[in-house]
Amino acid sequence: MEINYLESAKLKMESKDYAGAIEDWTRVIELDPQNASAWFERGFAKNEIGDHVGAIEDFTKYIEFKPDSFYGWYNRGLAKEKLEDYAGALEDYDRAVDIYAFDALSRFRKGYVLSMLGQDEEALLDFTAVVILEPDNYDAWFNLGMIYEELEKYDEALKKYTKAIELRPQSIAAWMRRGFIKIKLNDYAGVLQDFTKVVELTPGNTLAWYGLGIAKAMLDNPIGAIKDFTKAIENDPNYIPAWFKRGFIKIKIQDYVGAIKDFTKTVELDPQHAEAWYLRGTAKFRLQDYKGAIRDCTRAIQINSENPDYWLIRGSAKISLYDHAGALQDFIKVTELNPQNANGWYFCGNAREKLADFEAAIQDYNKAIEIDPFYTTAWISRAGLKVILQNYQEGIEDYSKVIEMKPDYGPAYFFRGLVKNIIKDETAAADIAKALQLGFQP
């Protein structure tokens, strides 16, 4: 009995037996090389089994027969896209759209390829055309959201993701993307809503638990944040950001021992995580483990020597161990990296003061005050040195400046009173009495 290859091929296509269909379409083509549909169908089947090169050859043959069929250009574009020949795919999709402007499929793929080529503004036009042609096209709305996000037009991205969610309420990707957009827009209450929905849909979603932790941290709920970061860690023990952020929150609530554990895990997973080394050093500093703080900050500096904060904490640890010369070098580095860092200049002054270089220390305090005129500690320290150098009136002026800025600051009254007493100023007793009244205990 003679086999009807055409009917057999169609049946195999319906049952998705693409390999068998290709054999039958090949026989049809052998019998009738002018059968354009056979070339198209065999190309389609080849695309389905991953033979994109073969598919392109067949679609090219089909286009020779049917140059005005947008289906041929569209499908050849798909095959080229699979081979990451985005420029070639774009040409074919363009041709398909030229032939039939209302073809949403070609416009969608064209938009996608344009976005892959970094041509986001042009991609917007095609995805917008798709949602006009097909208002319920979830994928087009979602892709519009991603492009607006890439363009940092977050308000627009938010609208597009919201529409995508309306069309597909179970879309984890859309809830996630909208949640991260809300983080960028500082809408942390909205972040909670979106990521809560994600963990309802997928309780094991590490990123969603992490996002919830970020939102709660920003909403001043550190305990809730720690619980969510912990949940993220339970889902993925190797998720570095959750360990790091949990440690960061623990520093904020002064759980320095817990913070050290989290930062230790962070650097185990990523030994080049400079910020984790620095913050572990900071936690050790708070626990008065100054040698440990120096070791950790040194490691951070080895990874990134351009961050002044690392030098500042290491210098502070050195000064606590009476290594004033070593501390001074670190504080000088802070001012080199950031000449407008008032703390750097203040601590330079503090180190020079410990080294009895009072004139140079005053110059450093001057610089700190110049940068931050409300740096009361610098005013107090400079006043003390002026008194040591017997510049009593200038010392009194500095203490008076502090009182002007902080009228309830007892120590300023007390020390001003002591200096006034040295120069036999009759108002000395009033200053000391005011300090005691404010609760200052000498």
Protein backbone atom coordinates (compact mmCIF):
# COMPACT_ATOMS: atom_id res chain seq x y z
CA MET A 1 0.00 0.00 0.00
CA GLU A 2 1.34 3.40 -1.00
CA ILE A 3 2.14 5.67 1.95
CA ASN A 4 0.60 9.14 1.97
CA TYR A 5 3.62 11.03 3.31
CA LEU A 6 1.78 14.33 3.45
CA GLU A 7 -0.98 13.03 5.73
CA SER A 8 1.54 11.05 7.76
CA ALA A 9 3.67 14.17 8.27
CA LYS A 10 0.67 16.19 9.43
CA LEU A 11 -0.34 13.51 11.94
CA LYS A 12 3.18 13.33 13.33
CA MET A 13 3.28 17.11 13.68
CA GLU A 14 0.02 17.00 15.66
CA SER A 15 1.44 14.36 17.98
CA LYS A 16 4.73 16.32 18.22
CA ASP A 17 6.73 13.47 16.73
CA TYR A 18 8.96 16.02 15.05
CA ALA A 19 11.78 13.62 14.13
CA GLY A 20 9.30 11.33 12.35
CA ALA A 21 7.60 14.32 10.75
CA ILE A 22 10.92 15.55 9.35
CA GLU A 23 11.42 12.20 7.60
CA ASP A 24 7.96 12.43 6.05
CA TRP A 25 8.31 16.09 5.03
CA THR A 26 11.63 15.22 3.41
CA ARG A 27 9.90 12.54 1.36
CA VAL A 28 7.16 15.03 0.38
CA ILE A 29 9.82 17.53 -0.77
CA GLU A 30 11.60 14.83 -2.76
CA LEU A 31 8.35 14.06 -4.52
CA ASP A 32 7.37 17.72 -4.96
CA PRO A 33 10.25 20.22 -4.49
CA GLN A 34 7.85 23.10 -5.27
CA ASN A 35 5.69 22.37 -2.23
CA ALA A 36 6.32 25.56 -0.21
CA SER A 37 4.30 24.36 2.80
CA ALA A 38 6.46 21.25 3.10
CA TRP A 39 9.61 23.39 3.36
CA PHE A 40 7.92 25.55 6.02
CA GLU A 41 6.64 22.61 8.08
CA ARG A 42 9.98 20.80 7.97
CA GLY A 43 11.70 24.03 9.05
CA PHE A 44 9.24 24.33 11.95
CA ALA A 45 9.89 20.72 13.01
CA LYS A 46 13.66 21.22 12.82
CA ASN A 47 13.37 24.30 15.03
CA GLU A 48 11.42 22.26 17.57
CA ILE A 49 14.15 19.61 17.88
CA GLY A 50 16.96 22.18 18.03
CA ASP A 51 18.25 21.94 14.46
CA HIS A 52 18.16 25.70 14.01
CA VAL A 53 20.68 25.77 11.17
CA GLY A 54 18.59 23.28 9.22
CA ALA A 55 15.45 25.24 10.08
CA ILE A 56 16.98 28.44 8.66
CA GLU A 57 17.77 26.64 5.40
CA ASP A 58 14.19 25.40 5.08
CA PHE A 59 12.59 28.75 5.98
CA THR A 60 14.91 30.46 3.48
CA LYS A 61 13.61 28.10 0.80
CA TYR A 62 10.03 28.79 1.88
CA ILE A 63 10.68 32.57 1.66
CA GLU A 64 11.90 32.11 -1.91
CA PHE A 65 8.48 30.69 -2.74
CA LYS A 66 6.49 33.04 -0.49
CA PRO A 67 8.43 36.29 -0.01
CA ASP A 68 5.32 38.12 1.21
CA SER A 69 4.46 35.62 3.96
CA PHE A 70 5.30 37.14 7.33
CA TYR A 71 5.17 33.63 8.83
CA GLY A 72 8.32 32.64 6.99
CA TRP A 73 10.28 35.70 8.05
CA TYR A 74 9.02 35.38 11.63
CA ASN A 75 9.97 31.72 11.98
CA ARG A 76 13.38 32.19 10.37
CA GLY A 77 13.90 35.03 12.84
CA LEU A 78 13.08 32.61 15.69
CA ALA A 79 15.71 30.16 14.45
CA LYS A 80 18.33 32.89 14.18
CA GLU A 81 17.43 34.12 17.65
CA LYS A 82 18.00 30.61 19.02
CA LEU A 83 21.49 30.73 17.50
CA GLU A 84 21.99 34.17 19.15
CA ASP A 85 22.24 35.80 15.74
CA TYR A 86 20.30 38.76 17.05
CA ALA A 87 21.17 41.11 14.20
CA GLY A 88 19.95 38.53 11.67
CA ALA A 89 16.81 37.83 13.70
CA LEU A 90 16.07 41.55 13.90
CA GLU A 91 16.22 41.85 10.10
CA ASP A 92 13.73 39.00 9.70
CA TYR A 93 11.32 40.34 12.35
CA ASP A 94 11.51 43.78 10.72
CA ARG A 95 10.56 42.21 7.40
CA ALA A 96 7.65 40.35 9.01
CA VAL A 97 6.34 43.58 10.56
CA ASP A 98 6.73 45.42 7.28
CA ILE A 99 4.55 42.80 5.62
CA TYR A 100 1.93 42.70 8.38
CA ALA A 101 2.04 45.59 10.86
CA PHE A 102 -0.54 43.97 13.14
CA ASP A 103 1.53 40.83 13.79
CA ALA A 104 1.94 40.92 17.59
CA LEU A 105 4.23 37.87 17.62
CA SER A 106 6.83 39.45 15.33
CA ARG A 107 6.64 42.75 17.20
CA PHE A 108 7.12 40.97 20.52
CA ARG A 109 10.17 39.04 19.31
CA LYS A 110 11.55 42.17 17.68
CA GLY A 111 11.19 44.02 20.98
CA TYR A 112 12.92 41.21 22.82
CA VAL A 113 15.85 41.13 20.37
CA LEU A 114 16.21 44.92 20.50
CA SER A 115 16.43 44.72 24.30
CA MET A 116 19.07 41.99 23.98
CA LEU A 117 21.02 44.33 21.68
CA GLY A 118 20.78 47.12 24.28
CA GLN A 119 18.38 49.18 22.17
CA ASP A 120 15.86 49.69 24.95
CA GLU A 121 14.17 52.83 23.66
CA GLU A 122 13.44 51.11 20.33
CA ALA A 123 12.25 47.96 22.14
CA LEU A 124 9.73 50.06 24.07
CA LEU A 125 8.02 51.00 20.82
CA ASP A 126 7.48 47.38 19.83
CA PHE A 127 6.32 46.13 23.22
CA THR A 128 3.97 49.11 23.47
CA ALA A 129 2.58 48.18 20.05
CA VAL A 130 2.03 44.62 21.31
CA VAL A 131 -0.04 45.74 24.33
CA ILE A 132 -2.10 47.97 22.03
CA LEU A 133 -2.74 45.01 19.73
CA GLU A 134 -3.16 42.55 22.61
CA PRO A 135 -4.03 44.38 25.86
CA ASP A 136 -4.02 41.10 27.80
CA ASN A 137 -0.52 40.06 26.73
CA TYR A 138 1.18 39.41 30.07
CA ASP A 139 4.64 38.86 28.57
CA ALA A 140 4.58 42.22 26.79
CA TRP A 141 3.60 44.11 29.96
CA PHE A 142 6.28 42.26 31.93
CA ASN A 143 8.95 43.06 29.36
CA LEU A 144 7.89 46.69 29.33
CA GLY A 145 8.43 46.68 33.08
CA MET A 146 11.92 45.24 32.70
CA ILE A 147 12.92 47.79 30.07
CA TYR A 148 11.65 50.75 32.09
CA GLU A 149 13.52 49.28 35.06
CA GLU A 150 16.69 49.06 32.96
CA LEU A 151 16.16 52.70 31.94
CA GLU A 152 15.76 53.57 35.66
CA LYS A 153 12.24 54.88 35.02
CA TYR A 154 10.95 53.15 38.11
CA ASP A 155 7.49 54.73 38.30
CA GLU A 156 6.72 53.49 34.79
CA ALA A 157 8.21 50.07 35.54
CA LEU A 158 5.94 49.84 38.59
CA LYS A 159 2.85 50.47 36.46
CA LYS A 160 3.81 47.82 33.93
CA TYR A 161 4.53 45.16 36.56
CA THR A 162 1.24 46.00 38.25
CA LYS A 163 -0.59 45.39 34.97
CA ALA A 164 1.28 42.11 34.52
CA ILE A 165 0.19 41.04 38.02
CA GLU A 166 -3.44 41.92 37.20
CA LEU A 167 -3.22 39.64 34.18
CA ARG A 168 -1.39 36.85 35.96
CA PRO A 169 -1.82 37.06 39.76
CA GLN A 170 0.26 33.92 40.33
CA SER A 171 3.32 35.32 38.53
CA ILE A 172 6.14 35.10 41.04
CA ALA A 173 8.48 36.96 38.68
CA ALA A 174 6.16 39.97 38.42
CA TRP A 175 5.62 40.19 42.20
CA MET A 176 9.38 39.90 42.72
CA ARG A 177 10.29 42.56 40.17
CA ARG A 178 7.68 44.94 41.50
CA GLY A 179 8.95 44.38 45.03
CA PHE A 180 12.51 45.28 44.08
CA ILE A 181 11.24 48.37 42.21
CA LYS A 182 9.50 49.45 45.40
CA ILE A 183 12.80 49.11 47.26
CA LYS A 184 14.30 51.57 44.76
CA LEU A 185 11.31 53.89 45.31
CA ASN A 186 11.68 53.59 49.12
CA ASP A 187 8.15 52.18 49.38
CA TYR A 188 9.03 49.64 52.05
CA ALA A 189 5.44 49.04 53.15
CA GLY A 190 4.71 48.12 49.53
CA VAL A 191 7.79 45.88 49.48
CA LEU A 192 6.37 43.95 52.43
CA GLN A 193 3.11 43.38 50.57
CA ASP A 194 4.77 42.13 47.40
CA PHE A 195 7.35 39.83 48.97
CA THR A 196 4.80 38.50 51.45
CA LYS A 197 2.76 37.44 48.42
CA VAL A 198 5.83 35.77 46.92
CA VAL A 199 6.53 33.70 50.04
CA GLU A 200 2.87 32.70 50.14
CA LEU A 201 3.26 31.39 46.59
CA THR A 202 6.76 29.94 47.11
CA PRO A 203 7.75 29.58 50.79
CA GLY A 204 11.27 28.53 49.79
CA ASN A 205 12.00 31.72 47.84
CA THR A 206 15.30 32.94 49.29
CA LEU A 207 15.27 36.29 47.48
CA ALA A 208 11.78 37.12 48.74
CA TRP A 209 12.72 36.44 52.38
CA TYR A 210 15.81 38.57 51.84
CA GLY A 211 13.68 41.38 50.36
CA LEU A 212 11.33 41.18 53.35
CA GLY A 213 14.35 41.53 55.64
CA ILE A 214 15.54 44.62 53.76
CA ALA A 215 12.09 46.22 54.01
CA LYS A 216 11.72 45.51 57.73
CA ALA A 217 15.19 46.85 58.41
CA MET A 218 14.28 50.09 56.65
CA LEU A 219 10.99 50.25 58.58
CA ASP A 220 12.97 50.11 61.84
CA ASN A 221 11.95 46.54 62.66
CA PRO A 222 15.38 44.96 63.24
CA ILE A 223 14.06 41.85 65.00
CA GLY A 224 11.65 41.15 62.15
CA ALA A 225 14.47 41.75 59.66
CA ILE A 226 16.73 39.28 61.44
CA LYS A 227 13.97 36.64 61.35
CA ASP A 228 13.52 37.10 57.59
CA PHE A 229 17.26 37.03 56.88
CA THR A 230 17.41 33.86 58.99
CA LYS A 231 14.65 32.35 56.87
CA ALA A 232 16.60 33.20 53.72
CA ILE A 233 19.67 31.51 55.21
CA GLU A 234 17.66 28.41 56.12
CA ASN A 235 16.50 28.18 52.50
CA ASP A 236 19.99 28.76 51.12
CA PRO A 237 22.88 28.49 53.62
CA ASN A 238 25.27 29.83 50.97
CA TYR A 239 23.35 33.04 50.28
CA ILE A 240 26.00 35.60 51.20
CA PRO A 241 23.84 38.79 51.21
CA ALA A 242 21.57 37.38 53.94
CA TRP A 243 24.49 36.52 56.23
CA PHE A 244 26.00 39.95 55.64
CA LYS A 245 22.78 41.92 56.18
CA ARG A 246 21.89 39.93 59.28
CA GLY A 247 25.31 40.74 60.71
CA PHE A 248 24.82 44.40 59.80
CA ILE A 249 21.50 44.54 61.66
CA LYS A 250 23.04 42.81 64.67
CA ILE A 251 25.67 45.55 64.87
CA LYS A 252 22.86 48.10 64.89
CA ILE A 253 21.17 46.43 67.86
CA GLN A 254 24.57 46.01 69.55
CA ASP A 255 24.61 42.21 69.30
CA TYR A 256 28.30 42.28 68.50
CA VAL A 257 28.94 38.61 69.27
CA GLY A 258 26.14 37.56 66.89
CA ALA A 259 27.39 40.01 64.27
CA ILE A 260 30.89 38.52 64.42
CA LYS A 261 29.45 35.04 63.77
CA ASP A 262 27.52 36.26 60.72
CA PHE A 263 30.45 38.19 59.26
CA THR A 264 32.70 35.19 59.89
CA LYS A 265 30.34 33.08 57.78
CA THR A 266 30.27 35.82 55.13
CA VAL A 267 34.04 35.83 54.74
CA GLU A 268 34.14 32.02 54.76
CA LEU A 269 31.83 32.09 51.74
CA ASP A 270 33.53 35.10 50.15
CA PRO A 271 37.07 35.78 51.44
CA GLN A 272 37.23 38.94 49.28
CA HIS A 273 34.23 40.58 50.97
CA ALA A 274 36.02 43.69 52.25
CA GLU A 275 32.94 45.19 53.92
CA ALA A 276 32.39 42.01 55.97
CA TRP A 277 35.99 42.06 57.21
CA TYR A 278 35.62 45.73 58.10
CA LEU A 279 32.32 45.28 59.94
CA ARG A 280 33.62 42.24 61.80
CA GLY A 281 36.54 44.43 62.82
CA THR A 282 34.07 47.11 63.93
CA ALA A 283 32.18 44.57 66.07
CA LYS A 284 35.44 43.43 67.65
CA PHE A 285 36.36 47.06 68.31
CA ARG A 286 33.05 47.53 70.15
CA LEU A 287 33.90 44.46 72.26
CA GLN A 288 37.34 45.99 72.97
CA ASP A 289 39.11 43.25 71.02
CA TYR A 290 41.41 45.83 69.51
CA LYS A 291 43.98 43.40 68.15
CA GLY A 292 41.24 41.43 66.41
CA ALA A 293 39.80 44.68 65.04
CA ILE A 294 43.19 45.64 63.63
CA ARG A 295 43.61 42.24 61.95
CA ASP A 296 40.17 42.39 60.32
CA CYS A 297 40.46 45.99 59.16
CA THR A 298 43.91 45.24 57.78
CA ARG A 299 42.37 42.42 55.73
CA ALA A 300 39.68 44.81 54.48
CA ILE A 301 42.36 47.35 53.52
CA GLN A 302 44.30 44.68 51.63
CA ILE A 303 41.18 44.04 49.54
CA ASN A 304 40.18 47.69 49.13
CA SER A 305 42.61 50.35 50.28
CA GLU A 306 40.43 53.23 49.01
CA ASN A 307 37.74 53.14 51.71
CA PRO A 308 38.52 55.69 54.46
CA ASP A 309 36.22 53.94 56.96
CA TYR A 310 38.54 50.92 57.08
CA TRP A 311 41.54 53.09 57.95
CA LEU A 312 39.51 55.03 60.53
CA ILE A 313 38.48 51.99 62.56
CA ARG A 314 41.97 50.49 62.39
CA GLY A 315 43.43 53.77 63.58
CA SER A 316 40.90 53.92 66.42
CA ALA A 317 41.88 50.39 67.49
CA LYS A 318 45.57 51.33 67.40
CA ILE A 319 45.01 54.40 69.54
CA SER A 320 43.17 52.20 72.06
CA LEU A 321 46.33 50.06 72.24
CA TYR A 322 48.45 53.23 72.73
CA ASP A 323 50.01 52.90 69.29
CA HIS A 324 49.54 56.61 68.72
CA ALA A 325 52.12 56.89 65.94
CA GLY A 326 50.56 53.98 64.02
CA ALA A 327 47.10 55.42 64.58
CA LEU A 328 48.21 58.81 63.25
CA GLN A 329 49.38 57.23 59.99
CA ASP A 330 45.99 55.58 59.53
CA PHE A 331 44.12 58.81 60.27
CA ILE A 332 46.34 60.74 57.85
CA LYS A 333 45.37 58.16 55.20
CA VAL A 334 41.71 58.91 55.93
CA THR A 335 42.26 62.61 55.19
CA GLU A 336 44.20 61.78 52.03
CA LEU A 337 41.36 59.59 50.74
CA ASN A 338 38.71 62.11 51.76
CA PRO A 339 39.97 65.60 52.63
CA GLN A 340 36.42 66.56 53.69
CA ASN A 341 36.22 63.83 56.32
CA ALA A 342 35.89 65.78 59.57
CA ASN A 343 36.36 62.63 61.67
CA GLY A 344 39.66 61.94 59.97
CA TRP A 345 41.01 65.38 60.89
CA TYR A 346 39.62 65.14 64.42
CA PHE A 347 41.31 61.79 65.06
CA CYS A 348 44.55 63.07 63.53
CA GLY A 349 44.38 65.82 66.15
CA ASN A 350 43.60 63.29 68.84
CA ALA A 351 46.62 61.14 67.91
CA ARG A 352 48.94 64.18 67.72
CA GLU A 353 47.63 65.28 71.11
CA LYS A 354 48.58 61.87 72.55
CA LEU A 355 52.03 62.38 71.01
CA ALA A 356 52.22 65.81 72.72
CA ASP A 357 52.38 67.63 69.36
CA PHE A 358 49.84 70.20 70.52
CA GLU A 359 50.30 72.90 67.89
CA ALA A 360 49.84 70.38 65.05
CA ALA A 361 46.87 68.85 66.89
CA ILE A 362 45.20 72.28 67.06
CA GLN A 363 45.64 72.64 63.31
CA ASP A 364 43.90 69.31 62.79
CA TYR A 365 41.05 70.32 65.09
CA ASN A 366 40.81 73.59 63.15
CA LYS A 367 40.35 71.61 59.96
CA ALA A 368 37.66 69.39 61.50
CA ILE A 369 35.76 72.47 62.70
CA GLU A 370 36.14 74.16 59.32
CA ILE A 371 34.50 71.15 57.66
CA ASP A 372 31.85 70.71 60.37
CA PRO A 373 31.28 73.87 62.44
CA PHE A 374 28.96 71.90 64.76
CA TYR A 375 31.60 69.29 65.67
CA THR A 376 31.39 69.97 69.42
CA THR A 377 33.96 67.34 70.38
CA ALA A 378 36.53 69.09 68.17
CA TRP A 379 35.73 72.44 69.82
CA ILE A 380 36.14 70.88 73.28
CA SER A 381 39.43 69.18 72.36
CA ARG A 382 40.83 72.35 70.81
CA ALA A 383 39.79 74.36 73.85
CA GLY A 384 41.63 71.92 76.13
CA LEU A 385 44.85 72.25 74.14
CA LYS A 386 44.61 76.04 74.11
CA VAL A 387 44.39 75.96 77.88
CA ILE A 388 47.42 73.65 78.07
CA LEU A 389 49.28 76.21 75.91
CA GLN A 390 48.04 78.92 78.32
CA ASN A 391 45.87 80.59 75.68
CA TYR A 392 43.14 80.88 78.29
CA GLN A 393 40.93 83.44 76.61
CA GLU A 394 40.88 81.45 73.36
CA GLY A 395 40.03 78.34 75.36
CA ILE A 396 37.13 80.15 77.03
CA GLU A 397 35.90 81.27 73.60
CA ASP A 398 35.85 77.67 72.35
CA TYR A 399 33.95 76.46 75.43
CA SER A 400 31.49 79.34 74.95
CA LYS A 401 30.96 78.26 71.34
CA VAL A 402 30.06 74.76 72.51
CA ILE A 403 27.59 76.22 75.04
CA GLU A 404 26.06 78.32 72.25
CA MET A 405 25.50 75.14 70.21
CA LYS A 406 24.50 72.93 73.17
CA PRO A 407 23.13 75.07 76.03
CA ASP A 408 22.54 71.99 78.20
CA TYR A 409 26.02 70.52 77.81
CA GLY A 410 27.38 70.43 81.38
CA PRO A 411 31.07 69.65 80.66
CA ALA A 412 31.49 72.86 78.64
CA TYR A 413 30.27 74.98 81.57
CA PHE A 414 32.47 73.07 84.00
CA PHE A 415 35.70 73.40 82.01
CA ARG A 416 34.97 77.01 81.14
CA GLY A 417 34.49 77.64 84.83
CA LEU A 418 37.86 76.04 85.65
CA VAL A 419 39.64 78.22 83.09
CA LYS A 420 37.88 81.32 84.34
CA ASN A 421 39.01 80.40 87.83
CA ILE A 422 42.63 80.32 86.60
CA ILE A 423 42.36 83.89 85.29
CA LYS A 424 40.39 85.02 88.39
CA ASP A 425 37.17 85.64 86.49
CA GLU A 426 34.36 86.19 89.02
CA THR A 427 31.83 84.29 86.86
CA ALA A 428 33.77 81.02 87.27
CA ALA A 429 31.64 79.82 90.19
CA ALA A 430 28.42 80.40 88.21
CA ASP A 431 29.70 78.20 85.36
CA ILE A 432 30.66 75.36 87.71
CA ALA A 433 27.31 75.62 89.52
CA LYS A 434 25.50 75.46 86.16
CA ALA A 435 27.44 72.33 85.21
CA LEU A 436 26.45 70.63 88.47
CA GLN A 437 22.84 71.75 88.01
CA LEU A 438 22.86 70.07 84.58
CA GLY A 439 23.96 66.83 86.20
CA PHE A 440 27.66 66.86 85.26
CA GLN A 441 29.74 64.88 87.73
CA PRO A 442 33.47 65.84 87.63
